[in-house]
C-alpha cells in the first residue's frame, strides 16, 4: 500500500467547514484564480474586510489543528466542533 492511500481524505471535510461558516464564496474565486497559497492569501487580504479575514484565518488555524490531531494523535474532530 502506498503512502498516498494512507493519507486521510479531507477534501469533503474541508468543503463542509468552509460552506458551514458561509465563507466558501469568499475564498473560491481566489482558489480558482491562483495555484499557490501565497497568492491566494495575498489576494484575499487585498479584497476582503478585516472581519472576513479574521474569520478565514481562524478557520484555517482550526483546520490545521484538526488535521494535526488526526495525523499525529488519531483524534477526529467533526466539522461542527471546528466551527465552534
C-alpha atoms as a PDB file:
ATOM      1  CA  UNK A   1       0.000   0.000   0.000  1.00  0.00           C
ATOM      2  CA  UNK A   2       1.388   3.409  -0.950  1.00  0.00           C
ATOM      3  CA  UNK A   3       1.679   6.338   1.430  1.00  0.00           C
ATOM      4  CA  UNK A   4      -0.871   8.259  -0.595  1.00  0.00           C
ATOM      5  CA  UNK A   5      -3.602   5.735   0.126  1.00  0.00           C
ATOM      6  CA  UNK A   6      -2.913   6.005   3.870  1.00  0.00           C
ATOM      7  CA  UNK A   7      -3.463   9.765   3.980  1.00  0.00           C
ATOM      8  CA  UNK A   8      -6.861  10.839   5.275  1.00  0.00           C
ATOM      9  CA  UNK A   9      -9.286  12.123   2.663  1.00  0.00           C
ATOM     10  CA  UNK A  10     -10.052  15.604   3.936  1.00  0.00           C
ATOM     11  CA  UNK A  11     -11.498  17.309   0.859  1.00  0.00           C
ATOM     12  CA  UNK A  12     -15.110  16.656   1.828  1.00  0.00           C
ATOM     13  CA  UNK A  13     -14.393  17.692   5.390  1.00  0.00           C
ATOM     14  CA  UNK A  14     -12.807  20.992   4.305  1.00  0.00           C
ATOM     15  CA  UNK A  15     -15.640  21.780   1.948  1.00  0.00           C
ATOM     16  CA  UNK A  16     -18.203  21.182   4.718  1.00  0.00           C
ATOM     17  CA  UNK A  17     -16.317  23.537   7.045  1.00  0.00           C
ATOM     18  CA  UNK A  18     -15.984  26.385   4.508  1.00  0.00           C
ATOM     19  CA  UNK A  19     -19.627  26.056   3.449  1.00  0.00           C
ATOM     20  CA  UNK A  20     -20.921  25.823   7.013  1.00  0.00           C
ATOM     21  CA  UNK A  21     -19.210  29.036   8.112  1.00  0.00           C
ATOM     22  CA  UNK A  22     -20.508  30.736   4.970  1.00  0.00           C
ATOM     23  CA  UNK A  23     -17.138  31.858   3.587  1.00  0.00           C
ATOM     24  CA  UNK A  24     -16.765  29.497   0.627  1.00  0.00           C
ATOM     25  CA  UNK A  25     -17.988  32.241  -1.719  1.00  0.00           C
ATOM     26  CA  UNK A  26     -15.205  34.495  -0.382  1.00  0.00           C
ATOM     27  CA  UNK A  27     -12.351  32.055  -0.973  1.00  0.00           C
ATOM     28  CA  UNK A  28     -13.462  30.056  -4.011  1.00  0.00           C
ATOM     29  CA  UNK A  29     -12.665  32.795  -6.537  1.00  0.00           C
ATOM     30  CA  UNK A  30      -9.098  33.090  -5.202  1.00  0.00           C
ATOM     31  CA  UNK A  31      -8.691  29.311  -5.246  1.00  0.00           C
ATOM     32  CA  UNK A  32      -9.759  29.202  -8.885  1.00  0.00           C
ATOM     33  CA  UNK A  33      -7.614  32.177  -9.865  1.00  0.00           C
ATOM     34  CA  UNK A  34      -4.279  31.217  -8.253  1.00  0.00           C
ATOM     35  CA  UNK A  35      -2.340  27.984  -7.853  1.00  0.00           C
ATOM     36  CA  UNK A  36      -0.242  28.658  -4.745  1.00  0.00           C
ATOM     37  CA  UNK A  37      -1.081  29.512  -1.149  1.00  0.00           C
ATOM     38  CA  UNK A  38       0.877  32.775  -1.055  1.00  0.00           C
ATOM     39  CA  UNK A  39      -1.002  34.294  -3.991  1.00  0.00           C
ATOM     40  CA  UNK A  40      -4.350  33.042  -2.703  1.00  0.00           C
ATOM     41  CA  UNK A  41      -3.772  34.544   0.747  1.00  0.00           C
ATOM     42  CA  UNK A  42      -2.461  37.897  -0.519  1.00  0.00           C
ATOM     43  CA  UNK A  43      -5.374  38.184  -2.944  1.00  0.00           C
ATOM     44  CA  UNK A  44      -7.847  37.638  -0.125  1.00  0.00           C
ATOM     45  CA  UNK A  45      -6.000  40.133   2.110  1.00  0.00           C
ATOM     46  CA  UNK A  46      -6.401  42.796  -0.565  1.00  0.00           C
ATOM     47  CA  UNK A  47     -10.082  42.154  -1.296  1.00  0.00           C
ATOM     48  CA  UNK A  48     -11.746  41.128   1.958  1.00  0.00           C
ATOM     49  CA  UNK A  49     -12.745  43.096   5.037  1.00  0.00           C
ATOM     50  CA  UNK A  50     -10.892  42.759   8.323  1.00  0.00           C
ATOM     51  CA  UNK A  51     -13.771  40.764   9.809  1.00  0.00           C
ATOM     52  CA  UNK A  52     -13.839  38.369   6.855  1.00  0.00           C
ATOM     53  CA  UNK A  53     -10.063  37.879   7.051  1.00  0.00           C
ATOM     54  CA  UNK A  54     -10.242  37.224  10.799  1.00  0.00           C
ATOM     55  CA  UNK A  55     -12.926  34.590  10.241  1.00  0.00           C
ATOM     56  CA  UNK A  56     -10.983  32.856   7.470  1.00  0.00           C
ATOM     57  CA  UNK A  57      -7.684  32.874   9.389  1.00  0.00           C
ATOM     58  CA  UNK A  58      -9.387  31.472  12.490  1.00  0.00           C
ATOM     59  CA  UNK A  59     -10.974  28.670  10.458  1.00  0.00           C
ATOM     60  CA  UNK A  60      -7.653  27.960   8.704  1.00  0.00           C
ATOM     61  CA  UNK A  61      -5.962  27.566  12.095  1.00  0.00           C
ATOM     62  CA  UNK A  62      -8.759  25.299  13.339  1.00  0.00           C
ATOM     63  CA  UNK A  63      -8.495  23.128  10.222  1.00  0.00           C
ATOM     64  CA  UNK A  64      -4.708  22.915  10.596  1.00  0.00           C
ATOM     65  CA  UNK A  65      -5.130  21.867  14.242  1.00  0.00           C
ATOM     66  CA  UNK A  66      -7.742  19.226  13.336  1.00  0.00           C
ATOM     67  CA  UNK A  67      -5.522  17.770  10.607  1.00  0.00           C
ATOM     68  CA  UNK A  68      -2.579  17.531  13.003  1.00  0.00           C
ATOM     69  CA  UNK A  69      -4.726  15.886  15.682  1.00  0.00           C
ATOM     70  CA  UNK A  70      -5.910  13.311  13.150  1.00  0.00           C
ATOM     71  CA  UNK A  71      -2.448  12.717  11.729  1.00  0.00           C
ATOM     72  CA  UNK A  72      -0.409  12.549  14.937  1.00  0.00           C
ATOM     73  CA  UNK A  73      -2.883  11.524  17.649  1.00  0.00           C
ATOM     74  CA  UNK A  74      -5.628   9.762  15.627  1.00  0.00           C
ATOM     75  CA  UNK A  75      -8.226  12.142  17.098  1.00  0.00           C
ATOM     76  CA  UNK A  76     -11.023  13.204  14.764  1.00  0.00           C
ATOM     77  CA  UNK A  77     -12.847  16.496  15.204  1.00  0.00           C
ATOM     78  CA  UNK A  78     -16.073  16.966  13.331  1.00  0.00           C
ATOM     79  CA  UNK A  79     -16.606  19.996  11.139  1.00  0.00           C
ATOM     80  CA  UNK A  80     -19.152  21.197  13.704  1.00  0.00           C
ATOM     81  CA  UNK A  81     -16.590  21.227  16.512  1.00  0.00           C
ATOM     82  CA  UNK A  82     -14.082  23.136  14.385  1.00  0.00           C
ATOM     83  CA  UNK A  83     -16.624  25.871  13.753  1.00  0.00           C
ATOM     84  CA  UNK A  84     -17.380  26.415  17.460  1.00  0.00           C
END
